[in-house]
Amino acid sequence: MNNRQSELETLRADLKARLSRYEAHQHREDGALEKDFEEQAVQTQNDEVVDSLETETRAELIQIEHALERIRHGVGEECEGCGEEIDPRRLQVLPYTTVCVACAED
């Protein structure tokens, strides 16, 4: 297994753990809404933030799964857009990317 694949698998595990925490929050596993109206407003606002974070985390997880699938098929370092090799420095910064800089800018 290469370093990038290992890094992606670690990222995937971290994101899954984060999703579990978000889901626990959204299901009120720590208790129901407060009776105080102001506290309810704060909790509702927090819920919206957690919802947004959960959506972003799910999107990132999908990208990681896709990148891992491409690695398993032996094309993980090849741009999905143009077929050229993705610059290793780009892969170092964005290990889940599947496109080169030129295609990402298009």
Protein backbone atom coordinates (compact mmCIF):
# COMPACT_ATOMS: atom_id res chain seq x y z
CA MET A 1 0.00 0.00 0.00
CA ASN A 2 1.37 3.41 -0.92
CA ASN A 3 1.57 6.47 1.37
CA ARG A 4 -1.28 8.25 -0.38
CA GLN A 5 -3.60 5.28 -0.01
CA SER A 6 -2.67 4.98 3.66
CA GLU A 7 -3.26 8.70 4.18
CA LEU A 8 -6.65 8.49 2.45
CA GLU A 9 -7.69 5.53 4.59
CA THR A 10 -6.72 7.44 7.74
CA LEU A 11 -8.69 10.48 6.52
CA ARG A 12 -11.66 8.23 5.76
CA ALA A 13 -11.61 6.78 9.29
CA ASP A 14 -11.40 10.28 10.80
CA LEU A 15 -14.30 11.51 8.70
CA LYS A 16 -16.45 8.49 9.62
CA ALA A 17 -15.76 9.14 13.31
CA ARG A 18 -16.67 12.80 12.81
CA LEU A 19 -19.91 11.82 11.07
CA SER A 20 -20.82 9.58 14.00
CA ARG A 21 -20.41 12.52 16.37
CA TYR A 22 -22.51 14.77 14.14
CA GLU A 23 -25.24 12.15 13.90
CA ALA A 24 -25.22 11.67 17.68
CA HIS A 25 -25.62 15.43 18.07
CA GLN A 26 -28.46 15.60 15.56
CA HIS A 27 -30.30 12.72 17.27
CA ARG A 28 -30.02 14.51 20.62
CA GLU A 29 -28.16 11.63 22.22
CA ASP A 30 -26.94 14.16 24.78
CA GLY A 31 -30.49 15.14 25.76
CA ALA A 32 -33.53 17.02 24.48
CA LEU A 33 -33.80 20.75 23.80
CA GLU A 34 -33.62 23.04 26.80
CA LYS A 35 -36.88 24.46 28.13
CA ASP A 36 -35.51 28.02 28.02
CA PHE A 37 -36.36 29.73 24.71
CA GLU A 38 -32.96 31.46 24.36
CA GLU A 39 -31.17 28.17 24.96
CA GLN A 40 -33.40 26.51 22.36
CA ALA A 41 -32.45 29.21 19.85
CA VAL A 42 -28.74 28.60 20.48
CA GLN A 43 -29.20 24.84 20.20
CA THR A 44 -31.13 25.23 16.95
CA GLN A 45 -28.39 27.46 15.55
CA ASN A 46 -25.81 24.86 16.60
CA ASP A 47 -27.88 22.20 14.81
CA GLU A 48 -27.69 24.20 11.59
CA VAL A 49 -23.90 24.48 11.89
CA VAL A 50 -23.59 20.75 12.58
CA ASP A 51 -25.87 20.04 9.60
CA SER A 52 -23.58 22.07 7.35
CA LEU A 53 -20.47 20.35 8.71
CA GLU A 54 -22.10 16.95 8.21
CA THR A 55 -22.90 17.78 4.58
CA GLU A 56 -19.30 18.92 3.93
CA THR A 57 -17.91 15.82 5.64
CA ARG A 58 -20.11 13.50 3.57
CA ALA A 59 -18.97 15.25 0.35
CA GLU A 60 -15.31 14.88 1.35
CA LEU A 61 -15.87 11.22 2.23
CA ILE A 62 -17.33 10.60 -1.24
CA GLN A 63 -14.22 12.19 -2.81
CA ILE A 64 -11.94 10.02 -0.68
CA GLU A 65 -13.85 6.82 -1.56
CA HIS A 66 -13.63 7.75 -5.25
CA ALA A 67 -9.87 8.42 -5.03
CA LEU A 68 -9.31 5.11 -3.21
CA GLU A 69 -11.30 3.27 -5.88
CA ARG A 70 -9.14 4.83 -8.59
CA ILE A 71 -5.98 3.82 -6.70
CA ARG A 72 -7.27 0.22 -6.45
CA HIS A 73 -7.77 0.23 -10.24
CA GLY A 74 -4.23 1.52 -10.82
CA VAL A 75 -5.25 4.94 -12.16
CA GLY A 76 -5.08 6.98 -8.95
CA GLU A 77 -2.35 9.30 -10.19
CA GLU A 78 -3.92 9.84 -13.60
CA CYS A 79 -6.15 12.87 -14.22
CA GLU A 80 -9.78 11.96 -14.84
CA GLY A 81 -10.09 14.91 -17.19
CA CYS A 82 -7.15 14.70 -19.56
CA GLY A 83 -5.46 11.41 -18.64
CA GLU A 84 -2.13 13.07 -17.84
CA GLU A 85 -0.26 12.34 -14.60
CA ILE A 86 -1.34 14.50 -11.66
CA ASP A 87 1.58 16.47 -10.21
CA PRO A 88 2.79 14.58 -7.10
CA ARG A 89 2.93 17.90 -5.19
CA ARG A 90 -0.80 18.39 -5.87
CA LEU A 91 -1.51 14.88 -4.62
CA GLN A 92 0.49 15.64 -1.49
CA VAL A 93 -1.63 18.72 -0.74
CA LEU A 94 -4.96 17.23 -1.90
CA PRO A 95 -4.59 13.45 -1.60
CA TYR A 96 -8.23 12.90 -2.63
CA THR A 97 -8.01 14.87 -5.88
CA THR A 98 -8.62 13.05 -9.15
CA VAL A 99 -7.81 15.88 -11.56
CA CYS A 100 -4.72 17.87 -12.48
CA VAL A 101 -4.46 21.63 -11.87
CA ALA A 102 -5.33 22.49 -15.49
CA CYS A 103 -8.53 20.41 -15.45
CA ALA A 104 -9.48 21.67 -11.98
CA GLU A 105 -9.30 25.24 -13.28
CA ASP A 106 -11.58 24.48 -16.27
